[in-house]
Amino acid sequence: MSANEFTVIGHRGARGHAPENTLLAIDTAIRLGAPWVEFDVQLHDSGELLVFHDLTLDRTTNGQGFLASQSLGMLRALDAGQGQQIPTLIEVLDLVEQQVGVNIELKSAGGTGEAVASVIRSYLEAGWPPEKFLVSSFHLPELWEFKQYAPEIPIGALICGVPLDWAGCAVELGAATLNLSSEFVDPRLIADAHKHGIKVFVYTVNDPAEMRMLREMGVDGVFSDYPDRALAVTAG
């Protein structure tokens, strides 16, 4: 992420083109040219880190009920769309193979940060540079916990609103990015983040006109279900 770069991040892989948070979605984003991919991670009771967004299975799989109440074997047998499995964090990282940067969003608490840090540590030891990772979360205490175990990995504070102290939460965490809902983009928030050397990434942006507007406002990048659209805007 260079200083003047407008960063395009494939949201849940390339959710607009393939079933979200699957290996197919991640691979599609890479093939479309996205320099970064974002996906969600939850810690299952089995100790496995699963790439999945919702608390329940109904929306994106042929299963029902809460993810946390199902066995790992049952979860892995589900169809997550187009015959895709619910992948593990390790499977996604092995697919990526440093081709692109990865933004791992911590969706669950209760040790998720520590578990993700442990996995990332093994990839750092295998030669991945820390800057290939960005770990983010709405659950800021869990993000802080992750930072204690992997201080060299950049983190992103996820927010859905405009805090009273502007970018204060990201500053306090030592975050590299503030990941902000498109509904709450405020020039003063962008300015405050930039004053502290923090990049502002906006989610989830699929309209090219909105992408251009955000870029003109000084936003540093966008999460998009259609990374190809965002790449076309950056090339224009």
Protein backbone atom coordinates (compact mmCIF):
# COMPACT_ATOMS: atom_id res chain seq x y z
CA MET A 1 0.00 0.00 0.00
CA SER A 2 2.00 2.95 -1.24
CA ALA A 3 1.30 6.50 -0.12
CA ASN A 4 -0.74 7.59 -3.16
CA GLU A 5 -2.27 4.25 -4.07
CA PHE A 6 -6.04 3.73 -4.27
CA THR A 7 -6.33 0.23 -2.90
CA VAL A 8 -8.89 -2.20 -4.30
CA ILE A 9 -9.93 -4.97 -1.93
CA GLY A 10 -12.11 -7.85 -3.10
CA HIS A 11 -14.94 -8.15 -0.55
CA ARG A 12 -15.34 -11.72 0.73
CA GLY A 13 -13.23 -12.63 -2.27
CA ALA A 14 -15.20 -11.46 -5.29
CA ARG A 15 -18.68 -11.86 -3.83
CA GLY A 16 -20.39 -10.38 -6.87
CA HIS A 17 -18.99 -13.14 -9.09
CA ALA A 18 -18.77 -16.23 -6.87
CA PRO A 19 -20.13 -17.57 -3.57
CA GLU A 20 -18.75 -15.36 -0.81
CA ASN A 21 -15.87 -16.46 1.41
CA THR A 22 -15.15 -19.57 -0.67
CA LEU A 23 -11.95 -20.62 -2.38
CA LEU A 24 -13.70 -19.94 -5.69
CA ALA A 25 -14.47 -16.36 -4.63
CA ILE A 26 -10.88 -15.79 -3.49
CA ASP A 27 -9.47 -17.29 -6.68
CA THR A 28 -11.87 -15.21 -8.79
CA ALA A 29 -10.74 -11.99 -7.10
CA ILE A 30 -7.11 -12.88 -7.75
CA ARG A 31 -7.83 -13.69 -11.42
CA LEU A 32 -9.69 -10.38 -11.80
CA GLY A 33 -6.54 -8.57 -10.66
CA ALA A 34 -7.53 -7.49 -7.15
CA PRO A 35 -4.34 -6.65 -5.22
CA TRP A 36 -6.09 -7.47 -1.93
CA VAL A 37 -8.80 -9.88 -0.81
CA GLU A 38 -10.91 -9.64 2.34
CA PHE A 39 -12.62 -12.52 4.11
CA ASP A 40 -14.17 -13.32 7.48
CA VAL A 41 -12.85 -15.77 10.06
CA GLN A 42 -14.61 -17.43 12.99
CA LEU A 43 -13.08 -19.69 15.63
CA HIS A 44 -15.03 -22.94 15.89
CA ASP A 45 -15.18 -24.97 19.11
CA SER A 46 -13.05 -27.61 17.37
CA GLY A 47 -10.21 -25.09 17.28
CA GLU A 48 -10.50 -24.69 13.50
CA LEU A 49 -10.59 -21.22 11.98
CA LEU A 50 -13.41 -21.18 9.44
CA VAL A 51 -13.86 -18.58 6.71
CA PHE A 52 -17.49 -17.61 7.15
CA HIS A 53 -19.43 -14.38 7.73
CA ASP A 54 -22.79 -15.07 9.37
CA LEU A 55 -23.57 -16.58 12.76
CA THR A 56 -26.11 -18.81 11.00
CA LEU A 57 -25.77 -21.12 8.01
CA ASP A 58 -29.05 -20.48 6.21
CA ARG A 59 -28.12 -17.57 3.92
CA THR A 60 -24.99 -18.91 2.26
CA THR A 61 -25.15 -22.71 2.61
CA ASN A 62 -27.62 -25.58 2.35
CA GLY A 63 -27.43 -25.96 6.13
CA GLN A 64 -29.55 -24.47 8.90
CA GLY A 65 -29.02 -23.13 12.39
CA PHE A 66 -26.02 -21.62 14.10
CA LEU A 67 -22.53 -22.36 12.84
CA ALA A 68 -21.24 -22.66 16.40
CA SER A 69 -23.74 -25.43 17.26
CA GLN A 70 -22.68 -27.76 14.43
CA SER A 71 -19.78 -30.19 14.33
CA LEU A 72 -16.81 -29.43 12.16
CA GLY A 73 -17.50 -32.51 10.04
CA MET A 74 -21.07 -31.43 9.38
CA LEU A 75 -19.97 -27.90 8.49
CA ARG A 76 -17.34 -29.14 6.08
CA ALA A 77 -19.93 -31.34 4.35
CA LEU A 78 -22.18 -28.38 3.52
CA ASP A 79 -22.48 -26.77 0.09
CA ALA A 80 -21.47 -23.11 0.42
CA GLY A 81 -22.54 -22.41 -3.18
CA GLN A 82 -21.60 -23.96 -6.52
CA GLY A 83 -20.32 -27.03 -4.73
CA GLN A 84 -17.87 -25.05 -2.61
CA GLN A 85 -16.94 -26.01 0.95
CA ILE A 86 -16.68 -23.65 3.90
CA PRO A 87 -12.89 -23.19 3.79
CA THR A 88 -10.40 -22.92 6.61
CA LEU A 89 -8.05 -19.99 7.06
CA ILE A 90 -5.10 -22.23 6.18
CA GLU A 91 -6.76 -23.35 2.93
CA VAL A 92 -7.32 -19.74 1.89
CA LEU A 93 -3.75 -18.69 2.70
CA ASP A 94 -2.37 -21.72 0.86
CA LEU A 95 -4.46 -20.76 -2.18
CA VAL A 96 -3.30 -17.14 -2.07
CA GLU A 97 0.40 -18.07 -1.83
CA GLN A 98 1.43 -14.40 -1.46
CA GLN A 99 -0.14 -13.50 -4.83
CA VAL A 100 -2.17 -10.76 -3.15
CA GLY A 101 -2.55 -9.13 0.24
CA VAL A 102 -5.09 -10.63 2.65
CA ASN A 103 -7.40 -8.72 4.97
CA ILE A 104 -8.59 -11.16 7.64
CA GLU A 105 -11.66 -9.92 9.52
CA LEU A 106 -12.10 -11.38 12.99
CA LYS A 107 -15.83 -12.13 13.21
CA SER A 108 -15.83 -13.98 16.53
CA ALA A 109 -14.20 -13.15 19.85
CA GLY A 110 -13.11 -15.44 22.67
CA GLY A 111 -9.64 -16.29 21.39
CA THR A 112 -10.04 -15.71 17.66
CA GLY A 113 -7.33 -13.07 17.65
CA GLU A 114 -4.81 -15.32 19.38
CA ALA A 115 -5.65 -18.25 17.07
CA VAL A 116 -5.31 -16.13 13.91
CA ALA A 117 -2.02 -14.71 15.18
CA SER A 118 -0.70 -18.24 15.66
CA VAL A 119 -1.56 -19.20 12.06
CA ILE A 120 -0.09 -15.99 10.66
CA ARG A 121 3.09 -16.60 12.64
CA SER A 122 3.63 -19.86 10.77
CA TYR A 123 3.29 -18.06 7.43
CA LEU A 124 5.72 -15.36 8.51
CA GLU A 125 8.20 -18.10 9.38
CA ALA A 126 7.63 -19.54 5.89
CA GLY A 127 8.62 -16.23 4.32
CA TRP A 128 5.45 -14.15 4.06
CA PRO A 129 6.17 -10.47 4.77
CA PRO A 130 4.00 -8.82 7.47
CA GLU A 131 2.75 -6.22 4.99
CA LYS A 132 0.91 -8.97 3.07
CA PHE A 133 -1.53 -9.10 5.98
CA LEU A 134 -4.14 -6.76 7.41
CA VAL A 135 -6.25 -7.99 10.33
CA SER A 136 -9.43 -6.07 11.11
CA SER A 137 -12.49 -6.32 13.32
CA PHE A 138 -15.54 -4.50 14.64
CA HIS A 139 -14.74 -6.21 17.94
CA LEU A 140 -11.98 -3.80 18.92
CA PRO A 141 -10.98 -5.60 22.16
CA GLU A 142 -10.39 -8.78 20.13
CA LEU A 143 -8.35 -6.76 17.64
CA TRP A 144 -6.31 -5.34 20.51
CA GLU A 145 -5.79 -8.90 21.76
CA PHE A 146 -4.56 -9.97 18.32
CA LYS A 147 -2.07 -7.08 18.35
CA GLN A 148 -0.52 -8.39 21.56
CA TYR A 149 0.30 -11.70 19.87
CA ALA A 150 1.34 -10.32 16.46
CA PRO A 151 2.47 -6.70 16.93
CA GLU A 152 4.21 -6.57 13.56
CA ILE A 153 1.01 -7.26 11.60
CA PRO A 154 -0.95 -4.16 10.49
CA ILE A 155 -4.47 -3.92 11.90
CA GLY A 156 -7.62 -2.14 10.74
CA ALA A 157 -10.34 -0.75 13.02
CA LEU A 158 -13.79 -1.45 11.53
CA ILE A 159 -16.49 1.08 12.34
CA CYS A 160 -20.07 1.71 11.25
CA GLY A 161 -20.71 5.30 12.27
CA VAL A 162 -18.82 8.51 13.02
CA PRO A 163 -17.25 8.39 16.50
CA LEU A 164 -17.21 11.45 18.74
CA ASP A 165 -13.42 11.27 18.81
CA TRP A 166 -13.20 10.81 15.03
CA ALA A 167 -10.33 8.38 14.32
CA GLY A 168 -9.48 8.11 18.02
CA CYS A 169 -10.18 4.36 18.32
CA ALA A 170 -7.82 3.60 15.43
CA VAL A 171 -5.16 5.85 16.92
CA GLU A 172 -5.47 4.17 20.33
CA LEU A 173 -5.14 0.72 18.75
CA GLY A 174 -2.15 1.72 16.66
CA ALA A 175 -4.15 0.74 13.56
CA ALA A 176 -2.84 1.18 10.05
CA THR A 177 -6.32 1.60 8.58
CA LEU A 178 -9.79 2.77 9.52
CA ASN A 179 -12.33 0.64 7.63
CA LEU A 180 -15.50 2.68 7.38
CA SER A 181 -19.05 2.02 6.17
CA SER A 182 -19.92 3.93 3.00
CA GLU A 183 -22.96 5.36 4.83
CA PHE A 184 -20.76 7.31 7.22
CA VAL A 185 -17.98 8.77 5.10
CA ASP A 186 -17.20 12.21 6.53
CA PRO A 187 -14.42 14.49 5.25
CA ARG A 188 -13.51 15.42 8.83
CA LEU A 189 -13.09 11.76 9.76
CA ILE A 190 -10.89 11.19 6.71
CA ALA A 191 -8.81 14.24 7.59
CA ASP A 192 -8.37 13.16 11.20
CA ALA A 193 -7.30 9.66 10.17
CA HIS A 194 -4.80 11.05 7.67
CA LYS A 195 -3.44 13.47 10.27
CA HIS A 196 -2.45 10.42 12.30
CA GLY A 197 -1.04 8.52 9.33
CA ILE A 198 -4.01 6.15 9.12
CA LYS A 199 -5.49 5.11 5.78
CA VAL A 200 -9.27 5.10 5.25
CA PHE A 201 -10.84 2.17 3.41
CA VAL A 202 -14.59 2.23 2.69
CA TYR A 203 -16.96 -0.75 2.49
CA THR A 204 -18.87 -2.02 0.51
CA VAL A 205 -18.73 0.00 -2.71
CA ASN A 206 -20.02 -1.46 -5.99
CA ASP A 207 -21.06 1.62 -7.96
CA PRO A 208 -18.28 3.14 -10.12
CA ALA A 209 -19.65 6.67 -9.67
CA GLU A 210 -19.45 6.28 -5.88
CA MET A 211 -15.93 4.88 -6.19
CA ARG A 212 -14.84 7.96 -8.15
CA MET A 213 -16.49 10.29 -5.64
CA LEU A 214 -14.78 8.59 -2.71
CA ARG A 215 -11.44 8.72 -4.45
CA GLU A 216 -11.87 12.45 -5.02
CA MET A 217 -12.72 12.86 -1.31
CA GLY A 218 -9.34 11.41 -0.40
CA VAL A 219 -10.37 7.89 0.60
CA ASP A 220 -7.44 5.49 0.25
CA GLY A 221 -9.32 2.46 -1.04
CA VAL A 222 -12.56 0.50 -1.23
CA PHE A 223 -13.89 -2.96 -0.50
CA SER A 224 -15.97 -4.15 -3.44
CA ASP A 225 -17.97 -7.25 -4.38
CA TYR A 226 -16.84 -6.41 -7.92
CA PRO A 227 -13.12 -5.63 -7.70
CA ASP A 228 -12.97 -5.50 -11.51
CA ARG A 229 -15.21 -2.41 -11.44
CA ALA A 230 -12.99 -0.69 -8.90
CA LEU A 231 -9.87 -1.56 -10.90
CA ALA A 232 -11.48 -0.01 -14.00
CA VAL A 233 -12.08 3.20 -12.03
CA THR A 234 -8.47 3.34 -10.84
CA ALA A 235 -7.25 2.80 -14.40
CA GLY A 236 -9.52 5.55 -15.78
